Amino acid sequence: MSEMERLQRENAELKAQLDATSKGRQTVRLGIGEKGGVKVQLGTRRFPVTLYPSEWLLILQHADELKDFIKDNSRKLSWKKDGSGSTE
């Protein structure tokens, strides 16, 4: 019985994640990759983005520059149709 209950809970969690993603609310999960990198799994992507910690920190140092670049070039960039491409 406990295995059945565990599977039912797991199924409910997966359904909740799917519902959240389909409603435009992105889920973000963090993890550690096989080679020690930081994995970021977005609810809208099939595979995670994995970079070493120093690479993530460098990107985060330039977050404002990245946001400005996206705003300045928004018409040239491709956006997902589910509305998850908001720049605000």
C-alpha atoms as a PDB file:
ATOM      1  CA  MET A   1       0.000   0.000   0.000  1.00  0.00           C
ATOM      2  CA  SER A   2       2.751   2.494   0.830  1.00  0.00           C
ATOM      3  CA  GLU A   3       4.257   2.118  -2.668  1.00  0.00           C
ATOM      4  CA  MET A   4       0.844   2.873  -4.178  1.00  0.00           C
ATOM      5  CA  GLU A   5       0.437   5.934  -1.955  1.00  0.00           C
ATOM      6  CA  ARG A   6       3.935   7.148  -2.866  1.00  0.00           C
ATOM      7  CA  LEU A   7       3.153   6.831  -6.576  1.00  0.00           C
ATOM      8  CA  GLN A   8      -0.159   8.649  -6.128  1.00  0.00           C
ATOM      9  CA  ARG A   9       1.599  11.521  -4.319  1.00  0.00           C
ATOM     10  CA  GLU A  10       4.298  11.654  -6.994  1.00  0.00           C
ATOM     11  CA  ASN A  11       1.641  11.696  -9.708  1.00  0.00           C
ATOM     12  CA  ALA A  12      -0.213  14.534  -7.963  1.00  0.00           C
ATOM     13  CA  GLU A  13       3.028  16.547  -7.698  1.00  0.00           C
ATOM     14  CA  LEU A  14       3.790  16.056 -11.391  1.00  0.00           C
ATOM     15  CA  LYS A  15       0.250  17.107 -12.340  1.00  0.00           C
ATOM     16  CA  ALA A  16       0.595  20.229 -10.198  1.00  0.00           C
ATOM     17  CA  GLN A  17       3.876  21.100 -11.919  1.00  0.00           C
ATOM     18  CA  LEU A  18       2.298  20.586 -15.333  1.00  0.00           C
ATOM     19  CA  ASP A  19      -0.702  22.725 -14.401  1.00  0.00           C
ATOM     20  CA  ALA A  20       1.558  25.518 -13.124  1.00  0.00           C
ATOM     21  CA  THR A  21       3.584  25.477 -16.339  1.00  0.00           C
ATOM     22  CA  SER A  22       0.549  25.378 -18.603  1.00  0.00           C
ATOM     23  CA  LYS A  23      -0.939  28.406 -16.830  1.00  0.00           C
ATOM     24  CA  GLY A  24       2.118  30.517 -17.666  1.00  0.00           C
ATOM     25  CA  ARG A  25       3.693  30.219 -14.227  1.00  0.00           C
ATOM     26  CA  GLN A  26       7.218  29.019 -14.773  1.00  0.00           C
ATOM     27  CA  THR A  27       8.648  26.544 -12.356  1.00  0.00           C
ATOM     28  CA  VAL A  28      12.382  26.667 -11.754  1.00  0.00           C
ATOM     29  CA  ARG A  29      14.245  23.808 -10.111  1.00  0.00           C
ATOM     30  CA  LEU A  30      17.898  23.867  -9.139  1.00  0.00           C
ATOM     31  CA  GLY A  31      20.231  20.897  -8.871  1.00  0.00           C
ATOM     32  CA  ILE A  32      23.813  19.725  -9.142  1.00  0.00           C
ATOM     33  CA  GLY A  33      25.000  18.203 -12.397  1.00  0.00           C
ATOM     34  CA  GLU A  34      27.159  15.102 -12.809  1.00  0.00           C
ATOM     35  CA  LYS A  35      30.344  17.181 -13.136  1.00  0.00           C
ATOM     36  CA  GLY A  36      29.532  19.568 -10.293  1.00  0.00           C
ATOM     37  CA  GLY A  37      27.789  22.275 -12.271  1.00  0.00           C
ATOM     38  CA  VAL A  38      24.602  24.075 -11.260  1.00  0.00           C
ATOM     39  CA  LYS A  39      21.556  22.789 -13.148  1.00  0.00           C
ATOM     40  CA  VAL A  40      18.605  25.085 -13.746  1.00  0.00           C
ATOM     41  CA  GLN A  41      15.522  23.278 -14.985  1.00  0.00           C
ATOM     42  CA  LEU A  42      12.807  25.533 -16.349  1.00  0.00           C
ATOM     43  CA  GLY A  43       9.308  24.161 -16.510  1.00  0.00           C
ATOM     44  CA  THR A  44       9.084  25.055 -20.193  1.00  0.00           C
ATOM     45  CA  ARG A  45      12.259  23.278 -21.347  1.00  0.00           C
ATOM     46  CA  ARG A  46      12.956  19.611 -21.836  1.00  0.00           C
ATOM     47  CA  PHE A  47      16.595  19.758 -20.715  1.00  0.00           C
ATOM     48  CA  PRO A  48      18.244  21.817 -17.970  1.00  0.00           C
ATOM     49  CA  VAL A  49      20.805  24.557 -18.500  1.00  0.00           C
ATOM     50  CA  THR A  50      23.991  23.526 -16.667  1.00  0.00           C
ATOM     51  CA  LEU A  51      26.919  25.850 -16.015  1.00  0.00           C
ATOM     52  CA  TYR A  52      29.726  25.899 -13.475  1.00  0.00           C
ATOM     53  CA  PRO A  53      29.143  28.148 -10.441  1.00  0.00           C
ATOM     54  CA  SER A  54      31.680  30.737 -11.652  1.00  0.00           C
ATOM     55  CA  GLU A  55      29.787  31.020 -14.956  1.00  0.00           C
ATOM     56  CA  TRP A  56      26.435  31.556 -13.212  1.00  0.00           C
ATOM     57  CA  LEU A  57      27.984  34.201 -10.950  1.00  0.00           C
ATOM     58  CA  LEU A  58      29.432  36.013 -13.968  1.00  0.00           C
ATOM     59  CA  ILE A  59      26.028  36.009 -15.671  1.00  0.00           C
ATOM     60  CA  LEU A  60      24.357  37.268 -12.501  1.00  0.00           C
ATOM     61  CA  GLN A  61      26.880  40.127 -12.279  1.00  0.00           C
ATOM     62  CA  HIS A  62      25.623  41.252 -15.685  1.00  0.00           C
ATOM     63  CA  ALA A  63      21.896  40.729 -14.997  1.00  0.00           C
ATOM     64  CA  ASP A  64      20.962  44.396 -15.490  1.00  0.00           C
ATOM     65  CA  GLU A  65      22.941  44.557 -18.733  1.00  0.00           C
ATOM     66  CA  LEU A  66      21.214  41.381 -19.938  1.00  0.00           C
ATOM     67  CA  LYS A  67      17.751  42.756 -19.097  1.00  0.00           C
ATOM     68  CA  ASP A  68      18.528  46.013 -20.929  1.00  0.00           C
ATOM     69  CA  PHE A  69      19.804  44.083 -23.950  1.00  0.00           C
ATOM     70  CA  ILE A  70      16.612  42.012 -24.071  1.00  0.00           C
ATOM     71  CA  LYS A  71      14.433  45.134 -23.815  1.00  0.00           C
ATOM     72  CA  ASP A  72      16.434  46.965 -26.477  1.00  0.00           C
ATOM     73  CA  ASN A  73      16.282  44.009 -28.872  1.00  0.00           C
ATOM     74  CA  SER A  74      12.880  42.574 -27.998  1.00  0.00           C
ATOM     75  CA  ARG A  75      11.534  42.910 -31.545  1.00  0.00           C
ATOM     76  CA  LYS A  76      14.443  40.915 -32.987  1.00  0.00           C
ATOM     77  CA  LEU A  77      14.257  38.132 -30.385  1.00  0.00           C
ATOM     78  CA  SER A  78      12.035  35.052 -30.466  1.00  0.00           C
ATOM     79  CA  TRP A  79       9.487  34.700 -27.680  1.00  0.00           C
ATOM     80  CA  LYS A  80       7.636  31.635 -26.436  1.00  0.00           C
ATOM     81  CA  LYS A  81       3.954  31.785 -27.290  1.00  0.00           C
ATOM     82  CA  ASP A  82       2.832  30.975 -23.712  1.00  0.00           C
ATOM     83  CA  GLY A  83       3.648  34.468 -22.519  1.00  0.00           C
ATOM     84  CA  SER A  84       6.666  33.442 -20.451  1.00  0.00           C
ATOM     85  CA  GLY A  85       8.852  35.928 -22.324  1.00  0.00           C
ATOM     86  CA  SER A  86       7.991  38.906 -20.165  1.00  0.00           C
ATOM     87  CA  THR A  87      10.889  41.293 -19.615  1.00  0.00           C
ATOM     88  CA  GLU A  88       9.441  42.834 -16.475  1.00  0.00           C
END
